[in-house]
PDB file of N, CA and C in Angstrom:
ATOM      1  N   UNK A   1       1.617  34.677   6.387  1.00  0.00           N
ATOM      2  CA  UNK A   1       1.723  33.678   5.346  1.00  0.00           C
ATOM      3  C   UNK A   1       0.845  32.477   5.729  1.00  0.00           C
ATOM      4  N   UNK A   2       0.053  31.990   4.794  1.00  0.00           N
ATOM      5  CA  UNK A   2      -0.836  30.856   5.029  1.00  0.00           C
ATOM      6  C   UNK A   2      -0.071  29.556   4.808  1.00  0.00           C
ATOM      7  N   UNK A   3      -0.249  28.602   5.698  1.00  0.00           N
ATOM      8  CA  UNK A   3       0.377  27.305   5.523  1.00  0.00           C
ATOM      9  C   UNK A   3      -0.699  26.270   5.281  1.00  0.00           C
ATOM     10  N   UNK A   4      -0.525  25.502   4.230  1.00  0.00           N
ATOM     11  CA  UNK A   4      -1.483  24.466   3.894  1.00  0.00           C
ATOM     12  C   UNK A   4      -1.287  23.261   4.806  1.00  0.00           C
ATOM     13  N   UNK A   5      -2.370  22.692   5.221  1.00  0.00           N
ATOM     14  CA  UNK A   5      -2.332  21.530   6.101  1.00  0.00           C
ATOM     15  C   UNK A   5      -2.299  20.258   5.254  1.00  0.00           C
ATOM     16  N   UNK A   6      -1.174  20.023   4.607  1.00  0.00           N
ATOM     17  CA  UNK A   6      -1.072  18.873   3.712  1.00  0.00           C
ATOM     18  C   UNK A   6      -0.847  17.570   4.464  1.00  0.00           C
ATOM     19  N   UNK A   7      -0.354  17.628   5.696  1.00  0.00           N
ATOM     20  CA  UNK A   7      -0.067  16.407   6.434  1.00  0.00           C
ATOM     21  C   UNK A   7      -1.327  15.566   6.612  1.00  0.00           C
ATOM     22  N   UNK A   8      -2.470  16.210   6.868  1.00  0.00           N
ATOM     23  CA  UNK A   8      -3.717  15.467   7.037  1.00  0.00           C
ATOM     24  C   UNK A   8      -4.091  14.716   5.771  1.00  0.00           C
ATOM     25  N   UNK A   9      -3.855  15.325   4.612  1.00  0.00           N
ATOM     26  CA  UNK A   9      -4.186  14.681   3.343  1.00  0.00           C
ATOM     27  C   UNK A   9      -3.319  13.432   3.169  1.00  0.00           C
ATOM     28  N   UNK A  10      -2.034  13.555   3.439  1.00  0.00           N
ATOM     29  CA  UNK A  10      -1.142  12.412   3.278  1.00  0.00           C
ATOM     30  C   UNK A  10      -1.455  11.326   4.296  1.00  0.00           C
ATOM     31  N   UNK A  11      -1.822  11.726   5.509  1.00  0.00           N
ATOM     32  CA  UNK A  11      -2.208  10.737   6.510  1.00  0.00           C
ATOM     33  C   UNK A  11      -3.394   9.920   6.019  1.00  0.00           C
ATOM     34  N   UNK A  12      -4.362  10.575   5.411  1.00  0.00           N
ATOM     35  CA  UNK A  12      -5.535   9.879   4.896  1.00  0.00           C
ATOM     36  C   UNK A  12      -5.158   8.953   3.750  1.00  0.00           C
ATOM     37  N   UNK A  13      -4.259   9.395   2.885  1.00  0.00           N
ATOM     38  CA  UNK A  13      -3.835   8.557   1.759  1.00  0.00           C
ATOM     39  C   UNK A  13      -3.085   7.322   2.253  1.00  0.00           C
ATOM     40  N   UNK A  14      -2.159   7.515   3.160  1.00  0.00           N
ATOM     41  CA  UNK A  14      -1.401   6.385   3.697  1.00  0.00           C
ATOM     42  C   UNK A  14      -2.324   5.456   4.475  1.00  0.00           C
ATOM     43  N   UNK A  15      -3.248   6.021   5.234  1.00  0.00           N
ATOM     44  CA  UNK A  15      -4.209   5.209   5.974  1.00  0.00           C
ATOM     45  C   UNK A  15      -5.059   4.368   5.023  1.00  0.00           C
ATOM     46  N   UNK A  16      -5.474   4.950   3.896  1.00  0.00           N
ATOM     47  CA  UNK A  16      -6.278   4.211   2.919  1.00  0.00           C
ATOM     48  C   UNK A  16      -5.483   3.026   2.361  1.00  0.00           C
ATOM     49  N   UNK A  17      -4.217   3.263   2.034  1.00  0.00           N
ATOM     50  CA  UNK A  17      -3.366   2.188   1.506  1.00  0.00           C
ATOM     51  C   UNK A  17      -3.177   1.096   2.556  1.00  0.00           C
ATOM     52  N   UNK A  18      -2.909   1.492   3.792  1.00  0.00           N
ATOM     53  CA  UNK A  18      -2.723   0.502   4.864  1.00  0.00           C
ATOM     54  C   UNK A  18      -3.991  -0.304   5.105  1.00  0.00           C
ATOM     55  N   UNK A  19      -5.128   0.351   5.076  1.00  0.00           N
ATOM     56  CA  UNK A  19      -6.395  -0.366   5.249  1.00  0.00           C
ATOM     57  C   UNK A  19      -6.598  -1.352   4.097  1.00  0.00           C
ATOM     58  N   UNK A  20      -6.255  -0.928   2.890  1.00  0.00           N
ATOM     59  CA  UNK A  20      -6.387  -1.820   1.741  1.00  0.00           C
ATOM     60  C   UNK A  20      -5.506  -3.053   1.906  1.00  0.00           C
ATOM     61  N   UNK A  21      -4.298  -2.847   2.391  1.00  0.00           N
ATOM     62  CA  UNK A  21      -3.346  -3.947   2.533  1.00  0.00           C
ATOM     63  C   UNK A  21      -3.676  -4.891   3.687  1.00  0.00           C
ATOM     64  N   UNK A  22      -4.143  -4.352   4.810  1.00  0.00           N
ATOM     65  CA  UNK A  22      -4.203  -5.151   6.027  1.00  0.00           C
ATOM     66  C   UNK A  22      -5.599  -5.449   6.555  1.00  0.00           C
ATOM     67  N   UNK A  23      -6.627  -4.794   6.066  1.00  0.00           N
ATOM     68  CA  UNK A  23      -7.962  -5.064   6.575  1.00  0.00           C
ATOM     69  C   UNK A  23      -8.728  -5.958   5.620  1.00  0.00           C
ATOM     70  N   UNK A  24      -9.531  -6.827   6.198  1.00  0.00           N
ATOM     71  CA  UNK A  24     -10.328  -7.730   5.383  1.00  0.00           C
ATOM     72  C   UNK A  24     -11.533  -6.999   4.800  1.00  0.00           C
ATOM     73  N   UNK A  25     -11.747  -7.188   3.527  1.00  0.00           N
ATOM     74  CA  UNK A  25     -12.940  -6.741   2.811  1.00  0.00           C
ATOM     75  C   UNK A  25     -13.338  -7.862   1.876  1.00  0.00           C
ATOM     76  N   UNK A  26     -14.563  -7.819   1.419  1.00  0.00           N
ATOM     77  CA  UNK A  26     -14.995  -8.791   0.425  1.00  0.00           C
ATOM     78  C   UNK A  26     -14.246  -8.523  -0.873  1.00  0.00           C
ATOM     79  N   UNK A  27     -14.134  -9.512  -1.749  1.00  0.00           N
ATOM     80  CA  UNK A  27     -13.469  -9.278  -3.041  1.00  0.00           C
ATOM     81  C   UNK A  27     -14.090  -8.119  -3.820  1.00  0.00           C
ATOM     82  N   UNK A  28     -15.395  -7.949  -3.711  1.00  0.00           N
ATOM     83  CA  UNK A  28     -16.058  -6.846  -4.415  1.00  0.00           C
ATOM     84  C   UNK A  28     -15.612  -5.495  -3.869  1.00  0.00           C
ATOM     85  N   UNK A  29     -15.496  -5.405  -2.529  1.00  0.00           N
ATOM     86  CA  UNK A  29     -15.047  -4.151  -1.919  1.00  0.00           C
ATOM     87  C   UNK A  29     -13.582  -3.874  -2.264  1.00  0.00           C
ATOM     88  N   UNK A  30     -12.761  -4.918  -2.261  1.00  0.00           N
ATOM     89  CA  UNK A  30     -11.356  -4.741  -2.635  1.00  0.00           C
ATOM     90  C   UNK A  30     -11.238  -4.277  -4.078  1.00  0.00           C
ATOM     91  N   UNK A  31     -12.036  -4.867  -4.946  1.00  0.00           N
ATOM     92  CA  UNK A  31     -11.991  -4.490  -6.353  1.00  0.00           C
ATOM     93  C   UNK A  31     -12.372  -3.022  -6.530  1.00  0.00           C
ATOM     94  N   UNK A  32     -13.381  -2.571  -5.780  1.00  0.00           N
ATOM     95  CA  UNK A  32     -13.814  -1.181  -5.880  1.00  0.00           C
ATOM     96  C   UNK A  32     -12.735  -0.207  -5.408  1.00  0.00           C
ATOM     97  N   UNK A  33     -11.977  -0.590  -4.395  1.00  0.00           N
ATOM     98  CA  UNK A  33     -10.982   0.331  -3.848  1.00  0.00           C
ATOM     99  C   UNK A  33      -9.579   0.127  -4.406  1.00  0.00           C
ATOM    100  N   UNK A  34      -9.369  -0.921  -5.204  1.00  0.00           N
ATOM    101  CA  UNK A  34      -8.029  -1.214  -5.728  1.00  0.00           C
ATOM    102  C   UNK A  34      -7.460  -0.052  -6.541  1.00  0.00           C
ATOM    103  N   UNK A  35      -8.205   0.459  -7.504  1.00  0.00           N
ATOM    104  CA  UNK A  35      -7.674   1.516  -8.368  1.00  0.00           C
ATOM    105  C   UNK A  35      -7.273   2.750  -7.569  1.00  0.00           C
ATOM    106  N   UNK A  36      -8.084   3.107  -6.577  1.00  0.00           N
ATOM    107  CA  UNK A  36      -7.761   4.273  -5.763  1.00  0.00           C
ATOM    108  C   UNK A  36      -6.503   4.020  -4.929  1.00  0.00           C
ATOM    109  N   UNK A  37      -6.424   2.859  -4.308  1.00  0.00           N
ATOM    110  CA  UNK A  37      -5.253   2.538  -3.483  1.00  0.00           C
ATOM    111  C   UNK A  37      -3.981   2.494  -4.333  1.00  0.00           C
ATOM    112  N   UNK A  38      -4.078   1.887  -5.505  1.00  0.00           N
ATOM    113  CA  UNK A  38      -2.916   1.789  -6.384  1.00  0.00           C
ATOM    114  C   UNK A  38      -2.488   3.178  -6.875  1.00  0.00           C
ATOM    115  N   UNK A  39      -3.448   4.011  -7.233  1.00  0.00           N
ATOM    116  CA  UNK A  39      -3.131   5.376  -7.688  1.00  0.00           C
ATOM    117  C   UNK A  39      -2.495   6.184  -6.559  1.00  0.00           C
ATOM    118  N   UNK A  40      -2.992   6.032  -5.355  1.00  0.00           N
ATOM    119  CA  UNK A  40      -2.409   6.741  -4.216  1.00  0.00           C
ATOM    120  C   UNK A  40      -0.964   6.303  -3.992  1.00  0.00           C
ATOM    121  N   UNK A  41      -0.717   5.015  -4.098  1.00  0.00           N
ATOM    122  CA  UNK A  41       0.642   4.508  -3.927  1.00  0.00           C
ATOM    123  C   UNK A  41       1.583   5.119  -4.955  1.00  0.00           C
ATOM    124  N   UNK A  42       1.149   5.219  -6.191  1.00  0.00           N
ATOM    125  CA  UNK A  42       1.990   5.775  -7.249  1.00  0.00           C
ATOM    126  C   UNK A  42       2.231   7.274  -7.071  1.00  0.00           C
ATOM    127  N   UNK A  43       1.306   7.946  -6.419  1.00  0.00           N
ATOM    128  CA  UNK A  43       1.372   9.396  -6.270  1.00  0.00           C
ATOM    129  C   UNK A  43       2.223   9.853  -5.093  1.00  0.00           C
ATOM    130  N   UNK A  44       2.515   8.964  -4.155  1.00  0.00           N
ATOM    131  CA  UNK A  44       3.298   9.364  -2.985  1.00  0.00           C
ATOM    132  C   UNK A  44       4.711   9.766  -3.386  1.00  0.00           C
ATOM    133  N   UNK A  45       5.247  10.762  -2.686  1.00  0.00           N
ATOM    134  CA  UNK A  45       6.628  11.158  -2.960  1.00  0.00           C
ATOM    135  C   UNK A  45       7.582  10.239  -2.177  1.00  0.00           C
ATOM    136  N   UNK A  46       8.859  10.465  -2.331  1.00  0.00           N
ATOM    137  CA  UNK A  46       9.883   9.600  -1.752  1.00  0.00           C
ATOM    138  C   UNK A  46       9.744   9.488  -0.228  1.00  0.00           C
ATOM    139  N   UNK A  47       9.612  10.614   0.440  1.00  0.00           N
ATOM    140  CA  UNK A  47       9.517  10.598   1.905  1.00  0.00           C
ATOM    141  C   UNK A  47       8.277   9.845   2.370  1.00  0.00           C
ATOM    142  N   UNK A  48       7.173  10.024   1.686  1.00  0.00           N
ATOM    143  CA  UNK A  48       5.940   9.339   2.078  1.00  0.00           C
ATOM    144  C   UNK A  48       6.010   7.850   1.785  1.00  0.00           C
ATOM    145  N   UNK A  49       6.735   7.465   0.728  1.00  0.00           N
ATOM    146  CA  UNK A  49       6.938   6.039   0.488  1.00  0.00           C
ATOM    147  C   UNK A  49       7.688   5.418   1.661  1.00  0.00           C
ATOM    148  N   UNK A  50       8.747   6.088   2.123  1.00  0.00           N
ATOM    149  CA  UNK A  50       9.499   5.542   3.255  1.00  0.00           C
ATOM    150  C   UNK A  50       8.659   5.498   4.525  1.00  0.00           C
ATOM    151  N   UNK A  51       7.788   6.485   4.721  1.00  0.00           N
ATOM    152  CA  UNK A  51       6.872   6.444   5.857  1.00  0.00           C
ATOM    153  C   UNK A  51       5.943   5.241   5.726  1.00  0.00           C
ATOM    154  N   UNK A  52       5.398   5.029   4.542  1.00  0.00           N
ATOM    155  CA  UNK A  52       4.527   3.876   4.303  1.00  0.00           C
ATOM    156  C   UNK A  52       5.290   2.575   4.542  1.00  0.00           C
ATOM    157  N   UNK A  53       6.520   2.495   4.035  1.00  0.00           N
ATOM    158  CA  UNK A  53       7.320   1.281   4.225  1.00  0.00           C
ATOM    159  C   UNK A  53       7.498   0.972   5.714  1.00  0.00           C
ATOM    160  N   UNK A  54       7.777   1.994   6.509  1.00  0.00           N
ATOM    161  CA  UNK A  54       7.984   1.751   7.939  1.00  0.00           C
ATOM    162  C   UNK A  54       6.690   1.317   8.615  1.00  0.00           C
ATOM    163  N   UNK A  55       5.562   1.876   8.200  1.00  0.00           N
ATOM    164  CA  UNK A  55       4.281   1.482   8.785  1.00  0.00           C
ATOM    165  C   UNK A  55       3.881   0.074   8.363  1.00  0.00           C
ATOM    166  N   UNK A  56       4.188  -0.283   7.125  1.00  0.00           N
ATOM    167  CA  UNK A  56       3.922  -1.649   6.662  1.00  0.00           C
ATOM    168  C   UNK A  56       4.783  -2.625   7.459  1.00  0.00           C
ATOM    169  N   UNK A  57       6.049  -2.303   7.601  1.00  0.00           N
ATOM    170  CA  UNK A  57       6.982  -3.182   8.317  1.00  0.00           C
ATOM    171  C   UNK A  57       6.524  -3.436   9.751  1.00  0.00           C
ATOM    172  N   UNK A  58       5.989  -2.408  10.417  1.00  0.00           N
ATOM    173  CA  UNK A  58       5.515  -2.559  11.794  1.00  0.00           C
ATOM    174  C   UNK A  58       4.408  -3.600  11.914  1.00  0.00           C
ATOM    175  N   UNK A  59       3.621  -3.769  10.881  1.00  0.00           N
ATOM    176  CA  UNK A  59       2.466  -4.666  10.946  1.00  0.00           C
ATOM    177  C   UNK A  59       2.767  -6.094  10.506  1.00  0.00           C
ATOM    178  N   UNK A  60       3.957  -6.326  10.011  1.00  0.00           N
ATOM    179  CA  UNK A  60       4.288  -7.648   9.497  1.00  0.00           C
ATOM    180  C   UNK A  60       4.744  -8.585  10.605  1.00  0.00           C
ATOM    181  N   UNK A  61       4.498  -9.891  10.431  1.00  0.00           N
ATOM    182  CA  UNK A  61       5.071 -10.863  11.359  1.00  0.00           C
ATOM    183  C   UNK A  61       6.597 -10.884  11.216  1.00  0.00           C
ATOM    184  N   UNK A  62       7.277 -11.451  12.174  1.00  0.00           N
ATOM    185  CA  UNK A  62       8.741 -11.374  12.255  1.00  0.00           C
ATOM    186  C   UNK A  62       9.452 -11.775  10.966  1.00  0.00           C
ATOM    187  N   UNK A  63       9.148 -12.928  10.432  1.00  0.00           N
ATOM    188  CA  UNK A  63       9.866 -13.404   9.236  1.00  0.00           C
ATOM    189  C   UNK A  63       9.596 -12.508   8.030  1.00  0.00           C
ATOM    190  N   UNK A  64       8.343 -12.125   7.827  1.00  0.00           N
ATOM    191  CA  UNK A  64       8.013 -11.219   6.722  1.00  0.00           C
ATOM    192  C   UNK A  64       8.682  -9.865   6.918  1.00  0.00           C
ATOM    193  N   UNK A  65       8.778  -9.439   8.176  1.00  0.00           N
ATOM    194  CA  UNK A  65       9.443  -8.172   8.487  1.00  0.00           C
ATOM    195  C   UNK A  65      10.910  -8.222   8.066  1.00  0.00           C
ATOM    196  N   UNK A  66      11.568  -9.352   8.339  1.00  0.00           N
ATOM    197  CA  UNK A  66      12.975  -9.502   7.959  1.00  0.00           C
ATOM    198  C   UNK A  66      13.140  -9.488   6.438  1.00  0.00           C
ATOM    199  N   UNK A  67      12.263 -10.184   5.748  1.00  0.00           N
ATOM    200  CA  UNK A  67      12.333 -10.220   4.281  1.00  0.00           C
ATOM    201  C   UNK A  67      12.055  -8.848   3.687  1.00  0.00           C
ATOM    202  N   UNK A  68      11.046  -8.157   4.219  1.00  0.00           N
ATOM    203  CA  UNK A  68      10.698  -6.824   3.718  1.00  0.00           C
ATOM    204  C   UNK A  68      11.840  -5.844   3.979  1.00  0.00           C
ATOM    205  N   UNK A  69      12.473  -5.957   5.144  1.00  0.00           N
ATOM    206  CA  UNK A  69      13.586  -5.066   5.498  1.00  0.00           C
ATOM    207  C   UNK A  69      14.773  -5.241   4.561  1.00  0.00           C
ATOM    208  N   UNK A  70      14.960  -6.447   4.046  1.00  0.00           N
ATOM    209  CA  UNK A  70      16.095  -6.729   3.171  1.00  0.00           C
ATOM    210  C   UNK A  70      15.934  -6.117   1.784  1.00  0.00           C
ATOM    211  N   UNK A  71      14.722  -5.737   1.424  1.00  0.00           N
ATOM    212  CA  UNK A  71      14.473  -5.155   0.105  1.00  0.00           C
ATOM    213  C   UNK A  71      14.954  -3.707   0.048  1.00  0.00           C
ATOM    214  N   UNK A  72      15.361  -3.270  -1.151  1.00  0.00           N
ATOM    215  CA  UNK A  72      15.677  -1.866  -1.346  1.00  0.00           C
ATOM    216  C   UNK A  72      14.375  -1.108  -1.636  1.00  0.00           C
ATOM    217  N   UNK A  73      14.491   0.178  -1.929  1.00  0.00           N
ATOM    218  CA  UNK A  73      13.311   1.015  -2.165  1.00  0.00           C
ATOM    219  C   UNK A  73      12.410   0.419  -3.240  1.00  0.00           C
ATOM    220  N   UNK A  74      12.992   0.108  -4.378  1.00  0.00           N
ATOM    221  CA  UNK A  74      12.214  -0.437  -5.496  1.00  0.00           C
ATOM    222  C   UNK A  74      11.574  -1.776  -5.121  1.00  0.00           C
ATOM    223  N   UNK A  75      12.321  -2.607  -4.426  1.00  0.00           N
ATOM    224  CA  UNK A  75      11.807  -3.909  -4.006  1.00  0.00           C
ATOM    225  C   UNK A  75      10.645  -3.789  -3.040  1.00  0.00           C
ATOM    226  N   UNK A  76      10.745  -2.857  -2.094  1.00  0.00           N
ATOM    227  CA  UNK A  76       9.649  -2.652  -1.144  1.00  0.00           C
ATOM    228  C   UNK A  76       8.377  -2.199  -1.871  1.00  0.00           C
ATOM    229  N   UNK A  77       8.549  -1.271  -2.805  1.00  0.00           N
ATOM    230  CA  UNK A  77       7.390  -0.778  -3.560  1.00  0.00           C
ATOM    231  C   UNK A  77       6.776  -1.908  -4.381  1.00  0.00           C
ATOM    232  N   UNK A  78       7.613  -2.726  -5.008  1.00  0.00           N
ATOM    233  CA  UNK A  78       7.111  -3.850  -5.798  1.00  0.00           C
ATOM    234  C   UNK A  78       6.386  -4.876  -4.932  1.00  0.00           C
ATOM    235  N   UNK A  79       6.891  -5.120  -3.726  1.00  0.00           N
ATOM    236  CA  UNK A  79       6.233  -6.056  -2.813  1.00  0.00           C
ATOM    237  C   UNK A  79       4.834  -5.545  -2.471  1.00  0.00           C
ATOM    238  N   UNK A  80       4.731  -4.264  -2.163  1.00  0.00           N
ATOM    239  CA  UNK A  80       3.418  -3.689  -1.839  1.00  0.00           C
ATOM    240  C   UNK A  80       2.485  -3.793  -3.035  1.00  0.00           C
ATOM    241  N   UNK A  81       2.986  -3.493  -4.234  1.00  0.00           N
ATOM    242  CA  UNK A  81       2.157  -3.606  -5.438  1.00  0.00           C
ATOM    243  C   UNK A  81       1.708  -5.056  -5.660  1.00  0.00           C
ATOM    244  N   UNK A  82       2.596  -5.995  -5.436  1.00  0.00           N
ATOM    245  CA  UNK A  82       2.245  -7.413  -5.606  1.00  0.00           C
ATOM    246  C   UNK A  82       1.170  -7.839  -4.612  1.00  0.00           C
ATOM    247  N   UNK A  83       1.290  -7.386  -3.378  1.00  0.00           N
ATOM    248  CA  UNK A  83       0.274  -7.715  -2.376  1.00  0.00           C
ATOM    249  C   UNK A  83      -1.061  -7.100  -2.764  1.00  0.00           C
ATOM    250  N   UNK A  84      -1.028  -5.876  -3.271  1.00  0.00           N
ATOM    251  CA  UNK A  84      -2.263  -5.215  -3.686  1.00  0.00           C
ATOM    252  C   UNK A  84      -2.948  -5.980  -4.817  1.00  0.00           C
ATOM    253  N   UNK A  85      -2.154  -6.552  -5.707  1.00  0.00           N
ATOM    254  CA  UNK A  85      -2.722  -7.255  -6.861  1.00  0.00           C
ATOM    255  C   UNK A  85      -2.973  -8.739  -6.595  1.00  0.00           C
ATOM    256  N   UNK A  86      -2.506  -9.243  -5.463  1.00  0.00           N
ATOM    257  CA  UNK A  86      -2.624 -10.675  -5.166  1.00  0.00           C
ATOM    258  C   UNK A  86      -4.065 -11.174  -5.240  1.00  0.00           C
ATOM    259  N   UNK A  87      -4.975 -10.464  -4.615  1.00  0.00           N
ATOM    260  CA  UNK A  87      -6.361 -10.937  -4.594  1.00  0.00           C
ATOM    261  C   UNK A  87      -6.975 -10.894  -5.984  1.00  0.00           C
ATOM    262  N   UNK A  88      -6.485  -9.997  -6.845  1.00  0.00           N
ATOM    263  CA  UNK A  88      -6.998  -9.957  -8.222  1.00  0.00           C
ATOM    264  C   UNK A  88      -6.659 -11.251  -8.942  1.00  0.00           C
ATOM    265  N   UNK A  89      -5.410 -11.696  -8.807  1.00  0.00           N
ATOM    266  CA  UNK A  89      -4.983 -12.942  -9.442  1.00  0.00           C
ATOM    267  C   UNK A  89      -5.699 -14.136  -8.825  1.00  0.00           C
ATOM    268  N   UNK A  90      -5.896 -14.069  -7.511  1.00  0.00           N
ATOM    269  CA  UNK A  90      -6.493 -15.205  -6.799  1.00  0.00           C
ATOM    270  C   UNK A  90      -7.991 -15.322  -7.050  1.00  0.00           C
ATOM    271  N   UNK A  91      -8.707 -14.213  -6.975  1.00  0.00           N
ATOM    272  CA  UNK A  91     -10.167 -14.240  -7.070  1.00  0.00           C
ATOM    273  C   UNK A  91     -10.711 -13.897  -8.457  1.00  0.00           C
ATOM    274  N   UNK A  92      -9.920 -13.144  -9.218  1.00  0.00           N
ATOM    275  CA  UNK A  92     -10.394 -12.696 -10.530  1.00  0.00           C
ATOM    276  C   UNK A  92      -9.255 -12.805 -11.548  1.00  0.00           C
ATOM    277  N   UNK A  93      -8.972 -13.995 -12.075  1.00  0.00           N
ATOM    278  CA  UNK A  93      -7.824 -14.164 -12.985  1.00  0.00           C
ATOM    279  C   UNK A  93      -7.890 -13.269 -14.220  1.00  0.00           C
ATOM    280  N   UNK A  94      -9.069 -12.827 -14.606  1.00  0.00           N
ATOM    281  CA  UNK A  94      -9.180 -11.991 -15.803  1.00  0.00           C
ATOM    282  C   UNK A  94      -8.580 -10.599 -15.592  1.00  0.00           C
ATOM    283  N   UNK A  95      -8.285 -10.211 -14.330  1.00  0.00           N
ATOM    284  CA  UNK A  95      -7.749  -8.888 -14.039  1.00  0.00           C
ATOM    285  C   UNK A  95      -6.234  -8.868 -13.957  1.00  0.00           C
ATOM    286  N   UNK A  96      -5.572  -9.951 -14.225  1.00  0.00           N
ATOM    287  CA  UNK A  96      -4.123  -9.997 -14.141  1.00  0.00           C
ATOM    288  C   UNK A  96      -3.541  -9.057 -15.179  1.00  0.00           C
ATOM    289  N   UNK A  97      -2.637  -8.193 -14.723  1.00  0.00           N
ATOM    290  CA  UNK A  97      -2.027  -7.204 -15.617  1.00  0.00           C
ATOM    291  C   UNK A  97      -0.925  -7.809 -16.441  1.00  0.00           C
TER     292      UNK A  97
END
Protein backbone atom coordinates (compact mmCIF):
# COMPACT_ATOMS: atom_id res chain seq x y z
CA UNK A 1 0.00 0.00 0.00
CA UNK A 2 1.37 3.44 -0.97
CA UNK A 3 1.39 6.14 1.68
CA UNK A 4 1.28 9.76 0.64
CA UNK A 5 3.81 12.04 2.25
CA UNK A 6 1.34 14.75 3.19
CA UNK A 7 3.24 15.89 6.29
CA UNK A 8 5.83 17.69 4.14
CA UNK A 9 3.08 19.62 2.34
CA UNK A 10 1.52 20.76 5.61
CA UNK A 11 4.93 21.67 7.02
CA UNK A 12 5.49 23.94 4.02
CA UNK A 13 2.05 25.52 4.39
CA UNK A 14 2.48 26.18 8.10
CA UNK A 15 6.02 27.45 7.50
CA UNK A 16 4.70 29.87 4.85
CA UNK A 17 2.08 31.22 7.28
CA UNK A 18 4.64 31.58 10.07
CA UNK A 19 7.06 33.39 7.77
CA UNK A 20 4.26 35.72 6.71
CA UNK A 21 3.40 36.48 10.32
CA UNK A 22 6.87 36.83 11.82
CA UNK A 23 9.39 37.74 9.14
CA UNK A 24 9.92 41.23 7.84
CA UNK A 25 9.15 41.88 4.18
CA UNK A 26 8.46 45.06 2.30
CA UNK A 27 4.78 46.04 2.03
CA UNK A 28 4.88 45.02 -1.64
CA UNK A 29 6.18 41.55 -0.78
CA UNK A 30 3.60 41.16 1.98
CA UNK A 31 0.84 42.20 -0.39
CA UNK A 32 1.98 39.62 -2.95
CA UNK A 33 1.99 36.79 -0.41
CA UNK A 34 -1.08 37.83 1.62
CA UNK A 35 -3.68 36.01 -0.49
CA UNK A 36 -1.69 32.79 -0.46
CA UNK A 37 -1.04 32.93 3.29
CA UNK A 38 -4.69 33.73 4.03
CA UNK A 39 -5.93 30.92 1.75
CA UNK A 40 -3.55 28.46 3.40
CA UNK A 41 -4.82 29.46 6.83
CA UNK A 42 -8.42 28.86 5.76
CA UNK A 43 -7.55 25.49 4.25
CA UNK A 44 -5.89 23.97 7.32
CA UNK A 45 -7.85 21.32 9.17
CA UNK A 46 -8.52 21.38 12.92
CA UNK A 47 -5.36 19.53 13.96
CA UNK A 48 -3.14 21.72 11.80
CA UNK A 49 -4.76 24.87 13.18
CA UNK A 50 -3.84 23.73 16.69
CA UNK A 51 -0.30 22.97 15.52
CA UNK A 52 -0.09 26.46 14.03
CA UNK A 53 -1.50 27.98 17.23
CA UNK A 54 1.18 26.28 19.32
CA UNK A 55 3.95 27.41 16.97
CA UNK A 56 2.63 30.98 16.97
CA UNK A 57 2.43 30.95 20.77
CA UNK A 58 6.08 29.83 21.03
CA UNK A 59 7.23 32.92 19.14
CA UNK A 60 5.25 35.48 21.10
CA UNK A 61 6.61 37.62 23.92
CA UNK A 62 5.37 36.70 27.41
CA UNK A 63 2.40 39.07 27.68
CA UNK A 64 1.17 38.38 24.14
CA UNK A 65 1.60 34.67 24.83
CA UNK A 66 -0.68 34.94 27.86
CA UNK A 67 -3.32 36.86 25.91
CA UNK A 68 -3.15 34.44 22.97
CA UNK A 69 -3.41 31.45 25.32
CA UNK A 70 -6.60 32.86 26.85
CA UNK A 71 -8.37 32.82 23.48
CA UNK A 72 -10.49 29.88 22.35
CA UNK A 73 -10.09 28.23 18.94
CA UNK A 74 -12.13 30.85 17.10
CA UNK A 75 -10.40 33.69 18.93
CA UNK A 76 -6.93 32.39 18.10
CA UNK A 77 -7.84 32.08 14.42
CA UNK A 78 -9.30 35.60 14.41
CA UNK A 79 -6.16 37.01 16.07
CA UNK A 80 -3.99 35.44 13.37
CA UNK A 81 -6.28 36.79 10.65
CA UNK A 82 -6.17 40.27 12.21
CA UNK A 83 -2.38 40.21 12.35
CA UNK A 84 -2.26 39.10 8.72
CA UNK A 85 -4.48 42.01 7.70
CA UNK A 86 -2.86 44.59 10.00
CA UNK A 87 -0.31 45.81 7.48
CA UNK A 88 -3.04 46.17 4.85
CA UNK A 89 -4.93 48.61 7.07
CA UNK A 90 -1.73 50.36 8.10
CA UNK A 91 0.00 50.69 4.72
CA UNK A 92 -2.87 50.36 2.26
CA UNK A 93 -6.21 51.61 3.69
CA UNK A 94 -7.97 50.87 0.39
CA UNK A 95 -7.54 47.11 1.05
CA UNK A 96 -9.54 47.03 4.28
CA UNK A 97 -12.14 44.28 4.04
